[in-house]
All heavy atoms as atom14 arrays in JSON, in Angstrom:
{
  "sequence": "DTPEAFYRRLSDAVSGSDQLLLLVDVKGGTPSNVSALLVKEKGCHCV",
  "atom14_mask": [
    [1, 1, 1, 1, 1, 1, 1, 1, 0, 0, 0, 0, 0, 0],
    [1, 1, 1, 1, 1, 1, 1, 0, 0, 0, 0, 0, 0, 0],
    [1, 1, 1, 1, 1, 1, 1, 0, 0, 0, 0, 0, 0, 0],
    [1, 1, 1, 1, 1, 1, 1, 1, 1, 0, 0, 0, 0, 0],
    [1, 1, 1, 1, 1, 0, 0, 0, 0, 0, 0, 0, 0, 0],
    [1, 1, 1, 1, 1, 1, 1, 1, 1, 1, 1, 0, 0, 0],
    [1, 1, 1, 1, 1, 1, 1, 1, 1, 1, 1, 1, 0, 0],
    [1, 1, 1, 1, 1, 1, 1, 1, 1, 1, 1, 0, 0, 0],
    [1, 1, 1, 1, 1, 1, 1, 1, 1, 1, 1, 0, 0, 0],
    [1, 1, 1, 1, 1, 1, 1, 1, 0, 0, 0, 0, 0, 0],
    [1, 1, 1, 1, 1, 1, 0, 0, 0, 0, 0, 0, 0, 0],
    [1, 1, 1, 1, 1, 1, 1, 1, 0, 0, 0, 0, 0, 0],
    [1, 1, 1, 1, 1, 0, 0, 0, 0, 0, 0, 0, 0, 0],
    [1, 1, 1, 1, 1, 1, 1, 0, 0, 0, 0, 0, 0, 0],
    [1, 1, 1, 1, 1, 1, 0, 0, 0, 0, 0, 0, 0, 0],
    [1, 1, 1, 1, 0, 0, 0, 0, 0, 0, 0, 0, 0, 0],
    [1, 1, 1, 1, 1, 1, 0, 0, 0, 0, 0, 0, 0, 0],
    [1, 1, 1, 1, 1, 1, 1, 1, 0, 0, 0, 0, 0, 0],
    [1, 1, 1, 1, 1, 1, 1, 1, 1, 0, 0, 0, 0, 0],
    [1, 1, 1, 1, 1, 1, 1, 1, 0, 0, 0, 0, 0, 0],
    [1, 1, 1, 1, 1, 1, 1, 1, 0, 0, 0, 0, 0, 0],
    [1, 1, 1, 1, 1, 1, 1, 1, 0, 0, 0, 0, 0, 0],
    [1, 1, 1, 1, 1, 1, 1, 1, 0, 0, 0, 0, 0, 0],
    [1, 1, 1, 1, 1, 1, 1, 0, 0, 0, 0, 0, 0, 0],
    [1, 1, 1, 1, 1, 1, 1, 1, 0, 0, 0, 0, 0, 0],
    [1, 1, 1, 1, 1, 1, 1, 0, 0, 0, 0, 0, 0, 0],
    [1, 1, 1, 1, 1, 1, 1, 1, 1, 0, 0, 0, 0, 0],
    [1, 1, 1, 1, 0, 0, 0, 0, 0, 0, 0, 0, 0, 0],
    [1, 1, 1, 1, 0, 0, 0, 0, 0, 0, 0, 0, 0, 0],
    [1, 1, 1, 1, 1, 1, 1, 0, 0, 0, 0, 0, 0, 0],
    [1, 1, 1, 1, 1, 1, 1, 0, 0, 0, 0, 0, 0, 0],
    [1, 1, 1, 1, 1, 1, 0, 0, 0, 0, 0, 0, 0, 0],
    [1, 1, 1, 1, 1, 1, 1, 1, 0, 0, 0, 0, 0, 0],
    [1, 1, 1, 1, 1, 1, 1, 0, 0, 0, 0, 0, 0, 0],
    [1, 1, 1, 1, 1, 1, 0, 0, 0, 0, 0, 0, 0, 0],
    [1, 1, 1, 1, 1, 0, 0, 0, 0, 0, 0, 0, 0, 0],
    [1, 1, 1, 1, 1, 1, 1, 1, 0, 0, 0, 0, 0, 0],
    [1, 1, 1, 1, 1, 1, 1, 1, 0, 0, 0, 0, 0, 0],
    [1, 1, 1, 1, 1, 1, 1, 0, 0, 0, 0, 0, 0, 0],
    [1, 1, 1, 1, 1, 1, 1, 1, 1, 0, 0, 0, 0, 0],
    [1, 1, 1, 1, 1, 1, 1, 1, 1, 0, 0, 0, 0, 0],
    [1, 1, 1, 1, 1, 1, 1, 1, 1, 0, 0, 0, 0, 0],
    [1, 1, 1, 1, 0, 0, 0, 0, 0, 0, 0, 0, 0, 0],
    [1, 1, 1, 1, 1, 1, 0, 0, 0, 0, 0, 0, 0, 0],
    [1, 1, 1, 1, 1, 1, 1, 1, 1, 1, 0, 0, 0, 0],
    [1, 1, 1, 1, 1, 1, 0, 0, 0, 0, 0, 0, 0, 0],
    [1, 1, 1, 1, 1, 1, 1, 0, 0, 0, 0, 0, 0, 0]
  ],
  "atom14_positions": [
    [[66.15, -40.82, 9.09], [66.75, -40.54, 10.39], [66.09, -41.34, 11.51], [64.87, -41.46, 11.55], [66.59, -39.05, 10.75], [67.49, -38.15, 9.95], [68.55, -38.61, 9.48], [67.12, -36.97, 9.79], [0.0, 0.0, 0.0], [0.0, 0.0, 0.0], [0.0, 0.0, 0.0], [0.0, 0.0, 0.0], [0.0, 0.0, 0.0], [0.0, 0.0, 0.0]],
    [[66.91, -41.83, 12.4], [66.39, -42.38, 13.66], [66.33, -41.23, 14.66], [67.02, -40.21, 14.49], [67.33, -43.47, 14.21], [68.6, -42.85, 14.53], [67.52, -44.61, 13.22], [0.0, 0.0, 0.0], [0.0, 0.0, 0.0], [0.0, 0.0, 0.0], [0.0, 0.0, 0.0], [0.0, 0.0, 0.0], [0.0, 0.0, 0.0], [0.0, 0.0, 0.0]],
    [[65.51, -41.34, 15.69], [65.51, -40.31, 16.72], [66.9, -40.08, 17.32], [67.28, -38.94, 17.6], [64.53, -40.84, 17.77], [63.59, -41.7, 16.99], [64.46, -42.35, 15.93], [0.0, 0.0, 0.0], [0.0, 0.0, 0.0], [0.0, 0.0, 0.0], [0.0, 0.0, 0.0], [0.0, 0.0, 0.0], [0.0, 0.0, 0.0], [0.0, 0.0, 0.0]],
    [[67.67, -41.15, 17.47], [69.02, -41.03, 18.03], [69.94, -40.22, 17.1], [70.71, -39.38, 17.57], [69.62, -42.42, 18.28], [68.9, -43.23, 19.32], [67.6, -43.9, 18.82], [67.39, -43.99, 17.59], [66.8, -44.31, 19.68], [0.0, 0.0, 0.0], [0.0, 0.0, 0.0], [0.0, 0.0, 0.0], [0.0, 0.0, 0.0], [0.0, 0.0, 0.0]],
    [[69.84, -40.47, 15.82], [70.66, -39.73, 14.86], [70.26, -38.26, 14.84], [71.11, -37.36, 14.8], [70.53, -40.33, 13.46], [0.0, 0.0, 0.0], [0.0, 0.0, 0.0], [0.0, 0.0, 0.0], [0.0, 0.0, 0.0], [0.0, 0.0, 0.0], [0.0, 0.0, 0.0], [0.0, 0.0, 0.0], [0.0, 0.0, 0.0], [0.0, 0.0, 0.0]],
    [[68.95, -38.0, 14.9], [68.48, -36.62, 14.93], [68.94, -35.92, 16.22], [69.37, -34.77, 16.18], [66.96, -36.57, 14.8], [66.42, -35.17, 14.75], [66.57, -34.39, 13.62], [65.76, -34.63, 15.85], [66.09, -33.09, 13.58], [65.27, -33.33, 15.81], [65.44, -32.56, 14.67], [0.0, 0.0, 0.0], [0.0, 0.0, 0.0], [0.0, 0.0, 0.0]],
    [[68.87, -36.63, 17.33], [69.35, -36.07, 18.6], [70.82, -35.67, 18.49], [71.19, -34.56, 18.91], [69.17, -37.08, 19.75], [69.87, -36.64, 21.01], [69.27, -35.71, 21.86], [71.15, -37.09, 21.32], [69.93, -35.27, 22.99], [71.8, -36.65, 22.45], [71.19, -35.75, 23.28], [71.85, -35.3, 24.39], [0.0, 0.0, 0.0], [0.0, 0.0, 0.0]],
    [[71.65, -36.54, 17.95], [73.07, -36.22, 17.81], [73.28, -34.98, 16.94], [74.08, -34.11, 17.25], [73.84, -37.41, 17.24], [74.09, -38.52, 18.25], [75.04, -39.58, 17.73], [74.57, -40.26, 16.52], [73.75, -41.3, 16.52], [73.3, -41.8, 17.65], [73.38, -41.85, 15.37], [0.0, 0.0, 0.0], [0.0, 0.0, 0.0], [0.0, 0.0, 0.0]],
    [[72.54, -34.9, 15.83], [72.68, -33.76, 14.91], [72.23, -32.46, 15.59], [72.9, -31.43, 15.5], [71.92, -34.03, 13.62], [72.43, -33.21, 12.47], [72.03, -33.7, 11.11], [70.61, -33.88, 10.91], [70.0, -35.08, 10.84], [70.69, -36.19, 10.96], [68.71, -35.16, 10.65], [0.0, 0.0, 0.0], [0.0, 0.0, 0.0], [0.0, 0.0, 0.0]],
    [[71.1, -32.53, 16.29], [70.61, -31.33, 16.98], [71.55, -30.94, 18.12], [71.91, -29.77, 18.26], [69.19, -31.59, 17.52], [68.53, -30.43, 18.27], [68.43, -29.18, 17.4], [67.14, -30.86, 18.75], [0.0, 0.0, 0.0], [0.0, 0.0, 0.0], [0.0, 0.0, 0.0], [0.0, 0.0, 0.0], [0.0, 0.0, 0.0], [0.0, 0.0, 0.0]],
    [[71.97, -31.91, 18.88], [72.87, -31.65, 19.99], [74.19, -31.06, 19.5], [74.72, -30.1, 20.08], [73.12, -32.95, 20.76], [73.88, -32.71, 21.9], [0.0, 0.0, 0.0], [0.0, 0.0, 0.0], [0.0, 0.0, 0.0], [0.0, 0.0, 0.0], [0.0, 0.0, 0.0], [0.0, 0.0, 0.0], [0.0, 0.0, 0.0], [0.0, 0.0, 0.0]],
    [[74.74, -31.6, 18.42], [75.98, -31.07, 17.84], [75.78, -29.64, 17.35], [76.66, -28.79, 17.5], [76.46, -31.94, 16.68], [77.03, -33.27, 17.13], [77.27, -33.46, 18.35], [77.23, -34.14, 16.25], [0.0, 0.0, 0.0], [0.0, 0.0, 0.0], [0.0, 0.0, 0.0], [0.0, 0.0, 0.0], [0.0, 0.0, 0.0], [0.0, 0.0, 0.0]],
    [[74.62, -29.35, 16.76], [74.35, -28.03, 16.2], [74.3, -26.94, 17.27], [74.59, -25.78, 16.98], [73.05, -28.04, 15.4], [0.0, 0.0, 0.0], [0.0, 0.0, 0.0], [0.0, 0.0, 0.0], [0.0, 0.0, 0.0], [0.0, 0.0, 0.0], [0.0, 0.0, 0.0], [0.0, 0.0, 0.0], [0.0, 0.0, 0.0], [0.0, 0.0, 0.0]],
    [[73.94, -27.33, 18.48], [73.8, -26.33, 19.55], [74.86, -26.47, 20.64], [74.79, -25.79, 21.66], [72.38, -26.38, 20.17], [71.33, -26.08, 19.11], [72.11, -27.7, 20.86], [0.0, 0.0, 0.0], [0.0, 0.0, 0.0], [0.0, 0.0, 0.0], [0.0, 0.0, 0.0], [0.0, 0.0, 0.0], [0.0, 0.0, 0.0], [0.0, 0.0, 0.0]],
    [[75.82, -27.34, 20.42], [76.86, -27.53, 21.43], [77.62, -26.22, 21.62], [77.82, -25.45, 20.68], [77.82, -28.64, 21.03], [78.59, -28.26, 19.92], [0.0, 0.0, 0.0], [0.0, 0.0, 0.0], [0.0, 0.0, 0.0], [0.0, 0.0, 0.0], [0.0, 0.0, 0.0], [0.0, 0.0, 0.0], [0.0, 0.0, 0.0], [0.0, 0.0, 0.0]],
    [[77.98, -25.96, 22.82], [78.7, -24.73, 23.12], [77.8, -23.53, 23.34], [78.28, -22.44, 23.63], [0.0, 0.0, 0.0], [0.0, 0.0, 0.0], [0.0, 0.0, 0.0], [0.0, 0.0, 0.0], [0.0, 0.0, 0.0], [0.0, 0.0, 0.0], [0.0, 0.0, 0.0], [0.0, 0.0, 0.0], [0.0, 0.0, 0.0], [0.0, 0.0, 0.0]],
    [[76.5, -23.7, 23.2], [75.56, -22.59, 23.41], [75.32, -22.43, 24.9], [74.94, -23.37, 25.58], [74.22, -22.87, 22.72], [74.41, -23.08, 21.35], [0.0, 0.0, 0.0], [0.0, 0.0, 0.0], [0.0, 0.0, 0.0], [0.0, 0.0, 0.0], [0.0, 0.0, 0.0], [0.0, 0.0, 0.0], [0.0, 0.0, 0.0], [0.0, 0.0, 0.0]],
    [[75.55, -21.21, 25.4], [75.27, -20.98, 26.81], [73.8, -20.69, 27.05], [73.26, -20.98, 28.12], [76.15, -19.86, 27.37], [76.03, -18.56, 26.6], [75.65, -18.59, 25.42], [76.31, -17.5, 27.19], [0.0, 0.0, 0.0], [0.0, 0.0, 0.0], [0.0, 0.0, 0.0], [0.0, 0.0, 0.0], [0.0, 0.0, 0.0], [0.0, 0.0, 0.0]],
    [[73.12, -20.13, 26.07], [71.67, -19.92, 26.11], [71.09, -20.48, 24.82], [71.66, -20.3, 23.76], [71.32, -18.43, 26.19], [71.67, -17.74, 27.48], [71.06, -16.36, 27.46], [69.86, -16.19, 27.68], [71.88, -15.37, 27.18], [0.0, 0.0, 0.0], [0.0, 0.0, 0.0], [0.0, 0.0, 0.0], [0.0, 0.0, 0.0], [0.0, 0.0, 0.0]],
    [[69.94, -21.14, 24.94], [69.38, -21.83, 23.78], [67.86, -21.72, 23.76], [67.2, -21.94, 24.77], [69.78, -23.31, 23.83], [69.21, -24.23, 22.76], [69.62, -23.8, 21.35], [69.67, -25.67, 23.03], [0.0, 0.0, 0.0], [0.0, 0.0, 0.0], [0.0, 0.0, 0.0], [0.0, 0.0, 0.0], [0.0, 0.0, 0.0], [0.0, 0.0, 0.0]],
    [[67.33, -21.38, 22.59], [65.9, -21.41, 22.32], [65.69, -22.34, 21.14], [66.26, -22.13, 20.07], [65.36, -20.02, 22.0], [63.9, -19.96, 21.52], [62.93, -20.52, 22.56], [63.52, -18.54, 21.13], [0.0, 0.0, 0.0], [0.0, 0.0, 0.0], [0.0, 0.0, 0.0], [0.0, 0.0, 0.0], [0.0, 0.0, 0.0], [0.0, 0.0, 0.0]],
    [[64.87, -23.37, 21.35], [64.51, -24.3, 20.29], [63.11, -23.96, 19.79], [62.18, -23.82, 20.59], [64.52, -25.73, 20.83], [65.85, -26.23, 21.38], [65.64, -27.45, 22.25], [66.79, -26.54, 20.24], [0.0, 0.0, 0.0], [0.0, 0.0, 0.0], [0.0, 0.0, 0.0], [0.0, 0.0, 0.0], [0.0, 0.0, 0.0], [0.0, 0.0, 0.0]],
    [[62.96, -23.8, 18.49], [61.66, -23.61, 17.86], [61.42, -24.84, 17.01], [62.18, -25.12, 16.09], [61.66, -22.35, 16.99], [61.99, -21.03, 17.68], [61.99, -19.89, 16.67], [61.02, -20.75, 18.82], [0.0, 0.0, 0.0], [0.0, 0.0, 0.0], [0.0, 0.0, 0.0], [0.0, 0.0, 0.0], [0.0, 0.0, 0.0], [0.0, 0.0, 0.0]],
    [[60.37, -25.6, 17.34], [60.1, -26.86, 16.63], [58.77, -26.77, 15.91], [57.89, -26.01, 16.28], [60.14, -28.06, 17.6], [61.52, -28.2, 18.23], [59.07, -27.95, 18.67], [0.0, 0.0, 0.0], [0.0, 0.0, 0.0], [0.0, 0.0, 0.0], [0.0, 0.0, 0.0], [0.0, 0.0, 0.0], [0.0, 0.0, 0.0], [0.0, 0.0, 0.0]],
    [[58.64, -27.6, 14.87], [57.47, -27.48, 14.01], [56.16, -27.93, 14.66], [55.16, -27.23, 14.55], [57.7, -28.18, 12.66], [58.02, -29.66, 12.77], [58.17, -30.19, 13.89], [58.16, -30.3, 11.7], [0.0, 0.0, 0.0], [0.0, 0.0, 0.0], [0.0, 0.0, 0.0], [0.0, 0.0, 0.0], [0.0, 0.0, 0.0], [0.0, 0.0, 0.0]],
    [[56.15, -29.07, 15.33], [54.87, -29.58, 15.83], [55.08, -30.35, 17.14], [56.02, -31.14, 17.26], [54.17, -30.46, 14.76], [54.99, -31.67, 14.4], [52.78, -30.87, 15.19], [0.0, 0.0, 0.0], [0.0, 0.0, 0.0], [0.0, 0.0, 0.0], [0.0, 0.0, 0.0], [0.0, 0.0, 0.0], [0.0, 0.0, 0.0], [0.0, 0.0, 0.0]],
    [[54.24, -30.09, 18.08], [54.28, -30.81, 19.36], [54.0, -32.29, 19.13], [53.08, -32.64, 18.4], [53.24, -30.22, 20.31], [53.13, -30.94, 21.63], [51.99, -30.39, 22.46], [51.76, -31.24, 23.68], [50.54, -30.84, 24.38], [0.0, 0.0, 0.0], [0.0, 0.0, 0.0], [0.0, 0.0, 0.0], [0.0, 0.0, 0.0], [0.0, 0.0, 0.0]],
    [[54.81, -33.13, 19.73], [54.59, -34.57, 19.65], [55.36, -35.27, 18.56], [55.41, -36.49, 18.52], [0.0, 0.0, 0.0], [0.0, 0.0, 0.0], [0.0, 0.0, 0.0], [0.0, 0.0, 0.0], [0.0, 0.0, 0.0], [0.0, 0.0, 0.0], [0.0, 0.0, 0.0], [0.0, 0.0, 0.0], [0.0, 0.0, 0.0], [0.0, 0.0, 0.0]],
    [[55.97, -34.52, 17.64], [56.77, -35.12, 16.59], [58.19, -35.38, 17.09], [58.58, -34.94, 18.17], [0.0, 0.0, 0.0], [0.0, 0.0, 0.0], [0.0, 0.0, 0.0], [0.0, 0.0, 0.0], [0.0, 0.0, 0.0], [0.0, 0.0, 0.0], [0.0, 0.0, 0.0], [0.0, 0.0, 0.0], [0.0, 0.0, 0.0], [0.0, 0.0, 0.0]],
    [[58.95, -36.08, 16.29], [60.33, -36.39, 16.68], [61.14, -35.13, 17.01], [61.84, -35.13, 18.02], [61.01, -37.23, 15.59], [60.3, -38.47, 15.46], [62.47, -37.52, 15.93], [0.0, 0.0, 0.0], [0.0, 0.0, 0.0], [0.0, 0.0, 0.0], [0.0, 0.0, 0.0], [0.0, 0.0, 0.0], [0.0, 0.0, 0.0], [0.0, 0.0, 0.0]],
    [[61.07, -34.06, 16.22], [61.86, -32.87, 16.6], [61.49, -32.34, 17.99], [62.38, -31.97, 18.76], [61.53, -31.86, 15.5], [61.25, -32.73, 14.31], [60.47, -33.89, 14.88], [0.0, 0.0, 0.0], [0.0, 0.0, 0.0], [0.0, 0.0, 0.0], [0.0, 0.0, 0.0], [0.0, 0.0, 0.0], [0.0, 0.0, 0.0], [0.0, 0.0, 0.0]],
    [[60.22, -32.31, 18.33], [59.85, -31.81, 19.66], [60.21, -32.81, 20.75], [60.66, -32.42, 21.83], [58.36, -31.44, 19.73], [57.54, -32.58, 19.68], [0.0, 0.0, 0.0], [0.0, 0.0, 0.0], [0.0, 0.0, 0.0], [0.0, 0.0, 0.0], [0.0, 0.0, 0.0], [0.0, 0.0, 0.0], [0.0, 0.0, 0.0], [0.0, 0.0, 0.0]],
    [[60.03, -34.08, 20.47], [60.38, -35.09, 21.47], [61.88, -35.1, 21.76], [62.31, -35.21, 22.91], [59.91, -36.48, 21.02], [58.4, -36.59, 20.98], [57.69, -35.81, 21.6], [57.91, -37.55, 20.22], [0.0, 0.0, 0.0], [0.0, 0.0, 0.0], [0.0, 0.0, 0.0], [0.0, 0.0, 0.0], [0.0, 0.0, 0.0], [0.0, 0.0, 0.0]],
    [[62.69, -34.98, 20.72], [64.13, -34.92, 20.9], [64.51, -33.61, 21.59], [65.38, -33.59, 22.47], [64.86, -35.09, 19.55], [66.32, -34.7, 19.64], [64.7, -36.53, 19.05], [0.0, 0.0, 0.0], [0.0, 0.0, 0.0], [0.0, 0.0, 0.0], [0.0, 0.0, 0.0], [0.0, 0.0, 0.0], [0.0, 0.0, 0.0], [0.0, 0.0, 0.0]],
    [[63.85, -32.52, 21.23], [64.12, -31.24, 21.87], [63.81, -31.29, 23.36], [64.48, -30.65, 24.16], [63.31, -30.13, 21.2], [63.77, -29.93, 19.88], [0.0, 0.0, 0.0], [0.0, 0.0, 0.0], [0.0, 0.0, 0.0], [0.0, 0.0, 0.0], [0.0, 0.0, 0.0], [0.0, 0.0, 0.0], [0.0, 0.0, 0.0], [0.0, 0.0, 0.0]],
    [[62.8, -32.07, 23.73], [62.46, -32.22, 25.15], [63.64, -32.79, 25.93], [63.86, -32.43, 27.09], [61.23, -33.1, 25.31], [0.0, 0.0, 0.0], [0.0, 0.0, 0.0], [0.0, 0.0, 0.0], [0.0, 0.0, 0.0], [0.0, 0.0, 0.0], [0.0, 0.0, 0.0], [0.0, 0.0, 0.0], [0.0, 0.0, 0.0], [0.0, 0.0, 0.0]],
    [[64.41, -33.67, 25.3], [65.6, -34.2, 25.95], [66.62, -33.09, 26.21], [67.25, -33.04, 27.27], [66.24, -35.29, 25.1], [65.42, -36.55, 24.87], [66.1, -37.47, 23.85], [65.17, -37.28, 26.18], [0.0, 0.0, 0.0], [0.0, 0.0, 0.0], [0.0, 0.0, 0.0], [0.0, 0.0, 0.0], [0.0, 0.0, 0.0], [0.0, 0.0, 0.0]],
    [[66.77, -32.18, 25.24], [67.7, -31.07, 25.42], [67.2, -30.09, 26.48], [67.99, -29.53, 27.23], [67.96, -30.35, 24.1], [68.8, -31.11, 23.09], [68.92, -30.33, 21.79], [70.18, -31.41, 23.64], [0.0, 0.0, 0.0], [0.0, 0.0, 0.0], [0.0, 0.0, 0.0], [0.0, 0.0, 0.0], [0.0, 0.0, 0.0], [0.0, 0.0, 0.0]],
    [[65.9, -29.89, 26.53], [65.32, -29.03, 27.58], [65.69, -29.6, 28.94], [66.11, -28.88, 29.85], [63.79, -28.89, 27.42], [63.18, -28.24, 28.65], [63.45, -28.11, 26.15], [0.0, 0.0, 0.0], [0.0, 0.0, 0.0], [0.0, 0.0, 0.0], [0.0, 0.0, 0.0], [0.0, 0.0, 0.0], [0.0, 0.0, 0.0], [0.0, 0.0, 0.0]],
    [[65.54, -30.91, 29.07], [65.86, -31.57, 30.34], [67.36, -31.48, 30.65], [67.74, -31.18, 31.78], [65.43, -33.03, 30.28], [65.62, -33.79, 31.56], [65.11, -35.21, 31.44], [65.4, -35.98, 32.71], [65.0, -37.38, 32.6], [0.0, 0.0, 0.0], [0.0, 0.0, 0.0], [0.0, 0.0, 0.0], [0.0, 0.0, 0.0], [0.0, 0.0, 0.0]],
    [[68.2, -31.69, 29.65], [69.65, -31.7, 29.86], [70.22, -30.3, 30.07], [71.1, -30.11, 30.91], [70.35, -32.32, 28.65], [70.13, -33.79, 28.5], [70.64, -34.32, 27.17], [71.36, -33.59, 26.44], [70.31, -35.47, 26.84], [0.0, 0.0, 0.0], [0.0, 0.0, 0.0], [0.0, 0.0, 0.0], [0.0, 0.0, 0.0], [0.0, 0.0, 0.0]],
    [[69.76, -29.34, 29.27], [70.37, -28.02, 29.26], [69.55, -26.96, 29.98], [70.02, -25.84, 30.16], [70.61, -27.55, 27.81], [71.61, -28.38, 27.04], [71.78, -27.81, 25.64], [72.88, -28.46, 24.89], [74.18, -27.83, 25.12], [0.0, 0.0, 0.0], [0.0, 0.0, 0.0], [0.0, 0.0, 0.0], [0.0, 0.0, 0.0], [0.0, 0.0, 0.0]],
    [[68.3, -27.27, 30.32], [67.45, -26.27, 30.93], [67.11, -25.13, 29.98], [66.88, -24.01, 30.39], [0.0, 0.0, 0.0], [0.0, 0.0, 0.0], [0.0, 0.0, 0.0], [0.0, 0.0, 0.0], [0.0, 0.0, 0.0], [0.0, 0.0, 0.0], [0.0, 0.0, 0.0], [0.0, 0.0, 0.0], [0.0, 0.0, 0.0], [0.0, 0.0, 0.0]],
    [[67.09, -25.45, 28.68], [66.81, -24.43, 27.67], [65.3, -24.27, 27.47], [64.5, -24.91, 28.12], [67.52, -24.78, 26.37], [66.99, -26.35, 25.64], [0.0, 0.0, 0.0], [0.0, 0.0, 0.0], [0.0, 0.0, 0.0], [0.0, 0.0, 0.0], [0.0, 0.0, 0.0], [0.0, 0.0, 0.0], [0.0, 0.0, 0.0], [0.0, 0.0, 0.0]],
    [[64.94, -23.44, 26.53], [63.53, -23.16, 26.23], [63.17, -23.77, 24.88], [64.0, -23.81, 23.97], [63.28, -21.65, 26.21], [63.59, -21.02, 27.53], [62.66, -20.94, 28.54], [64.73, -20.49, 28.02], [63.21, -20.36, 29.59], [64.48, -20.08, 29.29], [0.0, 0.0, 0.0], [0.0, 0.0, 0.0], [0.0, 0.0, 0.0], [0.0, 0.0, 0.0]],
    [[61.93, -24.21, 24.76], [61.46, -24.82, 23.52], [60.02, -24.38, 23.27], [59.18, -24.48, 24.17], [61.54, -26.34, 23.62], [61.0, -27.19, 22.11], [0.0, 0.0, 0.0], [0.0, 0.0, 0.0], [0.0, 0.0, 0.0], [0.0, 0.0, 0.0], [0.0, 0.0, 0.0], [0.0, 0.0, 0.0], [0.0, 0.0, 0.0], [0.0, 0.0, 0.0]],
    [[59.75, -23.92, 22.06], [58.4, -23.51, 21.66], [58.01, -24.34, 20.44], [58.75, -24.38, 19.46], [58.33, -22.0, 21.34], [56.92, -21.6, 20.94], [58.81, -21.17, 22.53], [0.0, 0.0, 0.0], [0.0, 0.0, 0.0], [0.0, 0.0, 0.0], [0.0, 0.0, 0.0], [0.0, 0.0, 0.0], [0.0, 0.0, 0.0], [0.0, 0.0, 0.0]]
  ]
}
């Protein structure tokens, strides 16, 4: 996976969500870095 491909998959998986909590495995890895983009875009929460 590229970060872009992972972003699309994550974004598609949560599309239509009015409230969102992201739980990611490790700070600084691709899942958390991509999730940070969704936090910025959607104002959601990420742990």
